[in-house]
Amino acid sequence: MYEIALEYLGATLMLLGAAILAISSFGLFKFQSLNNKIQAGGIASSIALPLMLVGLSVVHPPAGGLCFTLLVFDLFVSPLASHLLAKAGSKIT
């Protein structure tokens, strides 16, 4: 009974992360400004990926260490990548 509840919780977290990722991908096509597109991509990376990784670690506990490592890596790299894209885009336009 407990395992089934954990599987449903993990699946719900992964589906919620996938839904947020899909919604934010529409922003990449809808927005005109480069800064708005960067923000849509940053939201996807900072919200959707942690939800999906936590869901994966709930469903498959041996992958918890790898999921935590990926989460920490993403939390450091994503803001840096957004900043570098914004800086490069401001020099082009």
N, C-alpha and C. Protein backbone atom coordinates (compact mmCIF):
# COMPACT_ATOMS: atom_id res chain seq x y z
N MET A 1 0.83 -1.20 0.00
CA MET A 1 0.00 0.00 0.00
C MET A 1 0.87 1.26 0.00
N TYR A 2 1.95 1.22 0.80
CA TYR A 2 2.84 2.37 0.90
C TYR A 2 3.60 2.58 -0.40
N GLU A 3 4.01 1.48 -1.05
CA GLU A 3 4.75 1.59 -2.31
C GLU A 3 3.88 2.17 -3.42
N ILE A 4 2.61 1.80 -3.42
CA ILE A 4 1.70 2.32 -4.44
C ILE A 4 1.51 3.82 -4.28
N ALA A 5 1.40 4.27 -3.03
CA ALA A 5 1.26 5.71 -2.79
C ALA A 5 2.51 6.46 -3.23
N LEU A 6 3.68 5.88 -2.99
CA LEU A 6 4.92 6.52 -3.43
C LEU A 6 5.02 6.57 -4.95
N GLU A 7 4.56 5.51 -5.62
CA GLU A 7 4.59 5.52 -7.08
C GLU A 7 3.66 6.59 -7.64
N TYR A 8 2.48 6.73 -7.06
CA TYR A 8 1.55 7.78 -7.50
C TYR A 8 2.11 9.17 -7.23
N LEU A 9 2.75 9.34 -6.08
CA LEU A 9 3.35 10.64 -5.76
C LEU A 9 4.47 10.97 -6.74
N GLY A 10 5.34 10.01 -7.01
CA GLY A 10 6.43 10.23 -7.95
C GLY A 10 5.93 10.50 -9.36
N ALA A 11 4.92 9.74 -9.78
CA ALA A 11 4.36 9.96 -11.12
C ALA A 11 3.70 11.33 -11.22
N THR A 12 3.02 11.75 -10.15
CA THR A 12 2.38 13.07 -10.15
C THR A 12 3.42 14.17 -10.23
N LEU A 13 4.51 14.04 -9.49
CA LEU A 13 5.56 15.05 -9.54
C LEU A 13 6.21 15.11 -10.92
N MET A 14 6.44 13.95 -11.52
CA MET A 14 7.06 13.95 -12.85
C MET A 14 6.11 14.53 -13.90
N LEU A 15 4.82 14.21 -13.80
CA LEU A 15 3.86 14.77 -14.76
C LEU A 15 3.69 16.27 -14.57
N LEU A 16 3.72 16.73 -13.34
CA LEU A 16 3.62 18.17 -13.08
C LEU A 16 4.84 18.89 -13.65
N GLY A 17 6.02 18.32 -13.46
CA GLY A 17 7.22 18.90 -14.05
C GLY A 17 7.18 18.91 -15.56
N ALA A 18 6.67 17.84 -16.16
CA ALA A 18 6.56 17.79 -17.62
C ALA A 18 5.55 18.80 -18.13
N ALA A 19 4.46 19.00 -17.39
CA ALA A 19 3.46 19.99 -17.79
C ALA A 19 4.03 21.40 -17.72
N ILE A 20 4.77 21.71 -16.67
CA ILE A 20 5.39 23.04 -16.56
C ILE A 20 6.42 23.24 -17.66
N LEU A 21 7.15 22.20 -17.99
CA LEU A 21 8.12 22.29 -19.08
C LEU A 21 7.43 22.54 -20.41
N ALA A 22 6.30 21.87 -20.65
CA ALA A 22 5.56 22.07 -21.90
C ALA A 22 4.98 23.48 -21.98
N ILE A 23 4.44 23.98 -20.88
CA ILE A 23 3.87 25.32 -20.87
C ILE A 23 4.96 26.36 -21.09
N SER A 24 6.10 26.19 -20.46
CA SER A 24 7.17 27.17 -20.64
C SER A 24 7.79 27.11 -22.03
N SER A 25 7.70 25.96 -22.69
CA SER A 25 8.22 25.88 -24.05
C SER A 25 7.37 26.69 -25.02
N PHE A 26 6.08 26.85 -24.73
CA PHE A 26 5.26 27.73 -25.56
C PHE A 26 5.73 29.17 -25.45
N GLY A 27 6.26 29.56 -24.30
CA GLY A 27 6.77 30.91 -24.13
C GLY A 27 7.97 31.19 -25.00
N LEU A 28 8.74 30.15 -25.32
CA LEU A 28 9.89 30.35 -26.20
C LEU A 28 9.45 30.73 -27.61
N PHE A 29 8.27 30.28 -28.01
CA PHE A 29 7.76 30.63 -29.34
C PHE A 29 6.89 31.88 -29.32
N LYS A 30 6.20 32.12 -28.21
CA LYS A 30 5.25 33.22 -28.15
C LYS A 30 5.93 34.57 -27.92
N PHE A 31 6.88 34.63 -27.02
CA PHE A 31 7.50 35.90 -26.66
C PHE A 31 8.39 36.41 -27.79
N GLN A 32 8.42 37.73 -27.93
CA GLN A 32 9.22 38.35 -28.98
C GLN A 32 10.59 38.78 -28.46
N SER A 33 10.64 39.25 -27.24
CA SER A 33 11.88 39.79 -26.68
C SER A 33 12.81 38.65 -26.25
N LEU A 34 14.09 38.87 -26.43
CA LEU A 34 15.08 37.88 -26.02
C LEU A 34 15.06 37.68 -24.50
N ASN A 35 14.89 38.76 -23.76
CA ASN A 35 14.88 38.64 -22.30
C ASN A 35 13.70 37.82 -21.82
N ASN A 36 12.54 37.97 -22.45
CA ASN A 36 11.38 37.17 -22.07
C ASN A 36 11.58 35.70 -22.40
N LYS A 37 12.22 35.43 -23.53
CA LYS A 37 12.50 34.04 -23.90
C LYS A 37 13.48 33.40 -22.92
N ILE A 38 14.47 34.16 -22.48
CA ILE A 38 15.43 33.64 -21.51
C ILE A 38 14.74 33.35 -20.19
N GLN A 39 13.80 34.23 -19.80
CA GLN A 39 13.07 34.00 -18.56
C GLN A 39 12.21 32.75 -18.64
N ALA A 40 11.56 32.52 -19.79
CA ALA A 40 10.75 31.31 -19.95
C ALA A 40 11.61 30.06 -19.85
N GLY A 41 12.78 30.09 -20.44
CA GLY A 41 13.68 28.94 -20.33
C GLY A 41 14.23 28.75 -18.93
N GLY A 42 14.49 29.84 -18.24
CA GLY A 42 14.98 29.75 -16.86
C GLY A 42 13.95 29.19 -15.90
N ILE A 43 12.70 29.57 -16.11
CA ILE A 43 11.62 29.03 -15.27
C ILE A 43 11.50 27.53 -15.48
N ALA A 44 11.62 27.10 -16.72
CA ALA A 44 11.54 25.67 -16.99
C ALA A 44 12.65 24.91 -16.29
N SER A 45 13.82 25.48 -16.32
CA SER A 45 14.96 24.80 -15.72
C SER A 45 14.91 24.81 -14.20
N SER A 46 14.42 25.90 -13.62
CA SER A 46 14.48 26.01 -12.16
C SER A 46 13.26 25.42 -11.46
N ILE A 47 12.18 25.16 -12.17
CA ILE A 47 10.99 24.59 -11.52
C ILE A 47 10.70 23.18 -12.03
N ALA A 48 10.70 22.99 -13.35
CA ALA A 48 10.29 21.71 -13.91
C ALA A 48 11.31 20.60 -13.63
N LEU A 49 12.58 20.90 -13.83
CA LEU A 49 13.59 19.87 -13.64
C LEU A 49 13.66 19.37 -12.19
N PRO A 50 13.63 20.24 -11.17
CA PRO A 50 13.62 19.69 -9.80
C PRO A 50 12.39 18.83 -9.50
N LEU A 51 11.22 19.22 -10.02
CA LEU A 51 10.03 18.39 -9.80
C LEU A 51 10.20 17.02 -10.44
N MET A 52 10.74 16.99 -11.64
CA MET A 52 10.92 15.71 -12.31
C MET A 52 11.98 14.86 -11.62
N LEU A 53 13.04 15.48 -11.13
CA LEU A 53 14.09 14.72 -10.46
C LEU A 53 13.63 14.19 -9.10
N VAL A 54 12.86 14.98 -8.37
CA VAL A 54 12.34 14.50 -7.09
C VAL A 54 11.35 13.36 -7.33
N GLY A 55 10.52 13.50 -8.37
CA GLY A 55 9.60 12.41 -8.70
C GLY A 55 10.33 11.14 -9.08
N LEU A 56 11.41 11.27 -9.82
CA LEU A 56 12.20 10.10 -10.19
C LEU A 56 12.85 9.46 -8.97
N SER A 57 13.35 10.27 -8.06
CA SER A 57 13.99 9.70 -6.88
C SER A 57 12.97 9.07 -5.93
N VAL A 58 11.72 9.52 -5.97
CA VAL A 58 10.67 8.88 -5.17
C VAL A 58 10.30 7.53 -5.77
N VAL A 59 10.18 7.47 -7.09
CA VAL A 59 9.80 6.22 -7.75
C VAL A 59 10.94 5.21 -7.73
N HIS A 60 12.15 5.69 -7.94
CA HIS A 60 13.32 4.81 -8.02
C HIS A 60 14.39 5.30 -7.04
N PRO A 61 14.29 4.89 -5.76
CA PRO A 61 15.20 5.42 -4.72
C PRO A 61 16.69 5.22 -4.98
N PRO A 62 17.15 4.15 -5.63
CA PRO A 62 18.61 4.06 -5.87
C PRO A 62 19.16 5.19 -6.74
N ALA A 63 18.29 5.85 -7.50
CA ALA A 63 18.74 6.96 -8.34
C ALA A 63 18.72 8.29 -7.60
N GLY A 64 18.44 8.27 -6.32
CA GLY A 64 18.33 9.51 -5.54
C GLY A 64 19.62 10.30 -5.49
N GLY A 65 20.75 9.63 -5.37
CA GLY A 65 22.03 10.33 -5.32
C GLY A 65 22.35 11.03 -6.63
N LEU A 66 22.09 10.34 -7.73
CA LEU A 66 22.32 10.95 -9.03
C LEU A 66 21.37 12.12 -9.26
N CYS A 67 20.11 11.96 -8.86
CA CYS A 67 19.14 13.05 -9.01
C CYS A 67 19.56 14.26 -8.18
N PHE A 68 20.05 14.04 -6.98
CA PHE A 68 20.51 15.15 -6.15
C PHE A 68 21.71 15.84 -6.79
N THR A 69 22.63 15.06 -7.35
CA THR A 69 23.80 15.64 -8.02
C THR A 69 23.38 16.48 -9.22
N LEU A 70 22.46 15.97 -10.01
CA LEU A 70 21.96 16.72 -11.16
C LEU A 70 21.23 17.99 -10.74
N LEU A 71 20.49 17.91 -9.65
CA LEU A 71 19.76 19.07 -9.16
C LEU A 71 20.72 20.17 -8.70
N VAL A 72 21.75 19.81 -7.96
CA VAL A 72 22.73 20.79 -7.50
C VAL A 72 23.48 21.39 -8.70
N PHE A 73 23.85 20.54 -9.67
CA PHE A 73 24.52 21.04 -10.86
C PHE A 73 23.64 22.02 -11.62
N ASP A 74 22.36 21.69 -11.76
CA ASP A 74 21.45 22.58 -12.49
C ASP A 74 21.23 23.89 -11.74
N LEU A 75 21.18 23.84 -10.44
CA LEU A 75 20.96 25.07 -9.67
C LEU A 75 22.15 26.02 -9.78
N PHE A 76 23.33 25.49 -10.07
CA PHE A 76 24.49 26.36 -10.27
C PHE A 76 24.64 26.80 -11.73
N VAL A 77 24.35 25.93 -12.67
CA VAL A 77 24.62 26.21 -14.07
C VAL A 77 23.51 27.02 -14.73
N SER A 78 22.26 26.79 -14.37
CA SER A 78 21.14 27.45 -15.05
C SER A 78 21.18 28.98 -14.93
N PRO A 79 21.38 29.56 -13.75
CA PRO A 79 21.46 31.02 -13.71
C PRO A 79 22.66 31.57 -14.48
N LEU A 80 23.76 30.85 -14.46
CA LEU A 80 24.94 31.28 -15.20
C LEU A 80 24.67 31.27 -16.70
N ALA A 81 24.03 30.24 -17.19
CA ALA A 81 23.72 30.16 -18.61
C ALA A 81 22.73 31.25 -19.02
N SER A 82 21.73 31.52 -18.20
CA SER A 82 20.77 32.59 -18.51
C SER A 82 21.47 33.94 -18.55
N HIS A 83 22.36 34.16 -17.61
CA HIS A 83 23.09 35.43 -17.58
C HIS A 83 23.97 35.60 -18.82
N LEU A 84 24.66 34.54 -19.19
CA LEU A 84 25.54 34.62 -20.35
C LEU A 84 24.74 34.82 -21.65
N LEU A 85 23.58 34.18 -21.75
CA LEU A 85 22.74 34.40 -22.92
C LEU A 85 22.23 35.82 -22.99
N ALA A 86 21.82 36.37 -21.86
CA ALA A 86 21.34 37.75 -21.83
C ALA A 86 22.46 38.73 -22.17
N LYS A 87 23.65 38.46 -21.66
CA LYS A 87 24.78 39.35 -21.94
C LYS A 87 25.16 39.29 -23.42
N ALA A 88 25.18 38.10 -23.99
CA ALA A 88 25.51 37.97 -25.40
C ALA A 88 24.41 38.58 -26.28
N GLY A 89 23.16 38.41 -25.87
CA GLY A 89 22.07 38.98 -26.64
C GLY A 89 22.03 40.49 -26.60
N SER A 90 22.45 41.07 -25.50
CA SER A 90 22.46 42.53 -25.42
C SER A 90 23.56 43.15 -26.29
N LYS A 91 24.62 42.39 -26.54
CA LYS A 91 25.68 42.91 -27.41
C LYS A 91 25.30 42.79 -28.87
N ILE A 92 24.45 41.82 -29.21
CA ILE A 92 24.04 41.65 -30.60
C ILE A 92 23.02 42.70 -31.01
N THR A 93 22.03 42.95 -30.13
CA THR A 93 20.97 43.87 -30.50
C THR A 93 21.30 45.29 -30.15
